[in-house]
Amino acid sequence: MAGGWSRDGAVNEQIEASIQDELQRLKGRRQPQGESLTHCADCEEPIPEKRRLAIPGVKLCIECQQERDARPQARGGINRRGSKDSQLK
């Protein structure tokens, strides 16, 4: 399927690599690190002890976390081909 100078299967390898990179990024983002706060970083309401024990490093109460999760996040994609468009940014 691949043409030009790329070897067979190179396109599929790029797709798989992109998927793995994204999964690693998401896994790392979901896991808070460090010591849990006793009060929410946004609204300063107490964080329940069960939440602090269940998620080490939690910084937000449930309500603030749900608000933050509901917000759309804009992020740029990865262009592994190195096209002119990606080099101009």
C-alpha atoms as a PDB file:
ATOM      1  CA  MET A   1       0.000   0.000   0.000  1.00  0.00           C
ATOM      2  CA  ALA A   2       2.803   2.419   0.785  1.00  0.00           C
ATOM      3  CA  GLY A   3       4.314   4.227  -2.137  1.00  0.00           C
ATOM      4  CA  GLY A   4       7.322   6.347  -2.862  1.00  0.00           C
ATOM      5  CA  TRP A   5      10.292   5.797  -0.567  1.00  0.00           C
ATOM      6  CA  SER A   6       8.425   4.174   2.319  1.00  0.00           C
ATOM      7  CA  ARG A   7       8.497   0.437   2.913  1.00  0.00           C
ATOM      8  CA  ASP A   8       5.422  -1.786   3.024  1.00  0.00           C
ATOM      9  CA  GLY A   9       3.412  -1.361   6.217  1.00  0.00           C
ATOM     10  CA  ALA A  10       4.925   2.022   7.080  1.00  0.00           C
ATOM     11  CA  VAL A  11       1.545   3.772   7.052  1.00  0.00           C
ATOM     12  CA  ASN A  12       0.052   1.225   9.426  1.00  0.00           C
ATOM     13  CA  GLU A  13       3.073   1.561  11.720  1.00  0.00           C
ATOM     14  CA  GLN A  14       2.572   5.339  11.809  1.00  0.00           C
ATOM     15  CA  ILE A  15      -1.097   4.908  12.693  1.00  0.00           C
ATOM     16  CA  GLU A  16      -0.279   2.402  15.449  1.00  0.00           C
ATOM     17  CA  ALA A  17       2.445   4.677  16.832  1.00  0.00           C
ATOM     18  CA  SER A  18       0.033   7.629  16.899  1.00  0.00           C
ATOM     19  CA  ILE A  19      -2.582   5.571  18.745  1.00  0.00           C
ATOM     20  CA  GLN A  20      -0.033   4.352  21.302  1.00  0.00           C
ATOM     21  CA  ASP A  21       1.268   7.906  21.870  1.00  0.00           C
ATOM     22  CA  GLU A  22      -2.259   9.167  22.481  1.00  0.00           C
ATOM     23  CA  LEU A  23      -3.072   6.325  24.885  1.00  0.00           C
ATOM     24  CA  GLN A  24       0.089   7.022  26.882  1.00  0.00           C
ATOM     25  CA  ARG A  25      -0.746  10.724  27.018  1.00  0.00           C
ATOM     26  CA  LEU A  26      -4.248  10.010  28.276  1.00  0.00           C
ATOM     27  CA  LYS A  27      -3.100   7.489  30.864  1.00  0.00           C
ATOM     28  CA  GLY A  28      -0.560   9.937  32.248  1.00  0.00           C
ATOM     29  CA  ARG A  29      -3.096  12.737  32.452  1.00  0.00           C
ATOM     30  CA  ARG A  30      -5.654  10.684  34.364  1.00  0.00           C
ATOM     31  CA  GLN A  31      -3.329   9.770  37.225  1.00  0.00           C
ATOM     32  CA  PRO A  32      -2.740  12.587  39.725  1.00  0.00           C
ATOM     33  CA  GLN A  33       0.618  12.495  41.469  1.00  0.00           C
ATOM     34  CA  GLY A  34       1.764  13.557  44.915  1.00  0.00           C
ATOM     35  CA  GLU A  35      -0.168  14.161  48.102  1.00  0.00           C
ATOM     36  CA  SER A  36      -3.917  14.781  48.015  1.00  0.00           C
ATOM     37  CA  LEU A  37      -5.261  18.139  49.088  1.00  0.00           C
ATOM     38  CA  THR A  38      -7.783  18.297  51.921  1.00  0.00           C
ATOM     39  CA  HIS A  39      -9.658  21.169  50.235  1.00  0.00           C
ATOM     40  CA  CYS A  40     -10.473  21.730  46.562  1.00  0.00           C
ATOM     41  CA  ALA A  41      -7.964  23.858  44.633  1.00  0.00           C
ATOM     42  CA  ASP A  42     -10.803  25.665  42.792  1.00  0.00           C
ATOM     43  CA  CYS A  43     -13.681  26.173  45.241  1.00  0.00           C
ATOM     44  CA  GLU A  44     -11.904  25.437  48.570  1.00  0.00           C
ATOM     45  CA  GLU A  45     -14.643  23.022  49.676  1.00  0.00           C
ATOM     46  CA  PRO A  46     -13.446  19.981  51.680  1.00  0.00           C
ATOM     47  CA  ILE A  47     -12.582  16.921  49.592  1.00  0.00           C
ATOM     48  CA  PRO A  48     -14.149  13.776  51.106  1.00  0.00           C
ATOM     49  CA  GLU A  49     -11.642  11.416  52.715  1.00  0.00           C
ATOM     50  CA  LYS A  50     -12.851   8.454  50.638  1.00  0.00           C
ATOM     51  CA  ARG A  51     -12.066  10.402  47.438  1.00  0.00           C
ATOM     52  CA  ARG A  52      -8.597  11.320  48.730  1.00  0.00           C
ATOM     53  CA  LEU A  53      -7.875   7.688  49.571  1.00  0.00           C
ATOM     54  CA  ALA A  54      -9.247   6.367  46.268  1.00  0.00           C
ATOM     55  CA  ILE A  55      -7.300   8.823  44.094  1.00  0.00           C
ATOM     56  CA  PRO A  56      -3.882   9.696  45.544  1.00  0.00           C
ATOM     57  CA  GLY A  57      -2.890  13.220  44.536  1.00  0.00           C
ATOM     58  CA  VAL A  58      -6.435  14.480  43.920  1.00  0.00           C
ATOM     59  CA  LYS A  59      -6.679  18.284  43.860  1.00  0.00           C
ATOM     60  CA  LEU A  60     -10.359  18.910  43.012  1.00  0.00           C
ATOM     61  CA  CYS A  61     -13.690  18.029  44.590  1.00  0.00           C
ATOM     62  CA  ILE A  62     -16.129  15.920  42.583  1.00  0.00           C
ATOM     63  CA  GLU A  63     -18.181  18.887  41.349  1.00  0.00           C
ATOM     64  CA  CYS A  64     -15.172  20.884  40.142  1.00  0.00           C
ATOM     65  CA  GLN A  65     -13.668  17.788  38.494  1.00  0.00           C
ATOM     66  CA  GLN A  66     -16.920  17.125  36.646  1.00  0.00           C
ATOM     67  CA  GLU A  67     -17.001  20.743  35.416  1.00  0.00           C
ATOM     68  CA  ARG A  68     -13.408  20.492  34.229  1.00  0.00           C
ATOM     69  CA  ASP A  69     -14.044  17.159  32.471  1.00  0.00           C
ATOM     70  CA  ALA A  70     -17.075  18.623  30.673  1.00  0.00           C
ATOM     71  CA  ARG A  71     -15.024  21.451  29.108  1.00  0.00           C
ATOM     72  CA  PRO A  72     -13.768  20.765  25.585  1.00  0.00           C
ATOM     73  CA  GLN A  73      -9.988  20.783  25.297  1.00  0.00           C
ATOM     74  CA  ALA A  74      -8.332  22.058  22.169  1.00  0.00           C
ATOM     75  CA  ARG A  75      -5.050  20.427  21.285  1.00  0.00           C
ATOM     76  CA  GLY A  76      -2.966  20.148  18.180  1.00  0.00           C
ATOM     77  CA  GLY A  77      -2.484  16.901  16.355  1.00  0.00           C
ATOM     78  CA  ILE A  78       0.806  15.284  15.523  1.00  0.00           C
ATOM     79  CA  ASN A  79       1.869  15.408  11.916  1.00  0.00           C
ATOM     80  CA  ARG A  80       4.438  12.637  11.567  1.00  0.00           C
ATOM     81  CA  ARG A  81       4.994  13.293   7.874  1.00  0.00           C
ATOM     82  CA  GLY A  82       6.628  16.683   8.448  1.00  0.00           C
ATOM     83  CA  SER A  83       4.589  18.561   5.884  1.00  0.00           C
ATOM     84  CA  LYS A  84       5.063  22.268   5.211  1.00  0.00           C
ATOM     85  CA  ASP A  85       1.983  23.084   7.290  1.00  0.00           C
ATOM     86  CA  SER A  86       3.440  21.491  10.412  1.00  0.00           C
ATOM     87  CA  GLN A  87       6.758  23.268   9.931  1.00  0.00           C
ATOM     88  CA  LEU A  88       5.144  26.696   9.677  1.00  0.00           C
ATOM     89  CA  LYS A  89       3.557  26.524  13.140  1.00  0.00           C
END
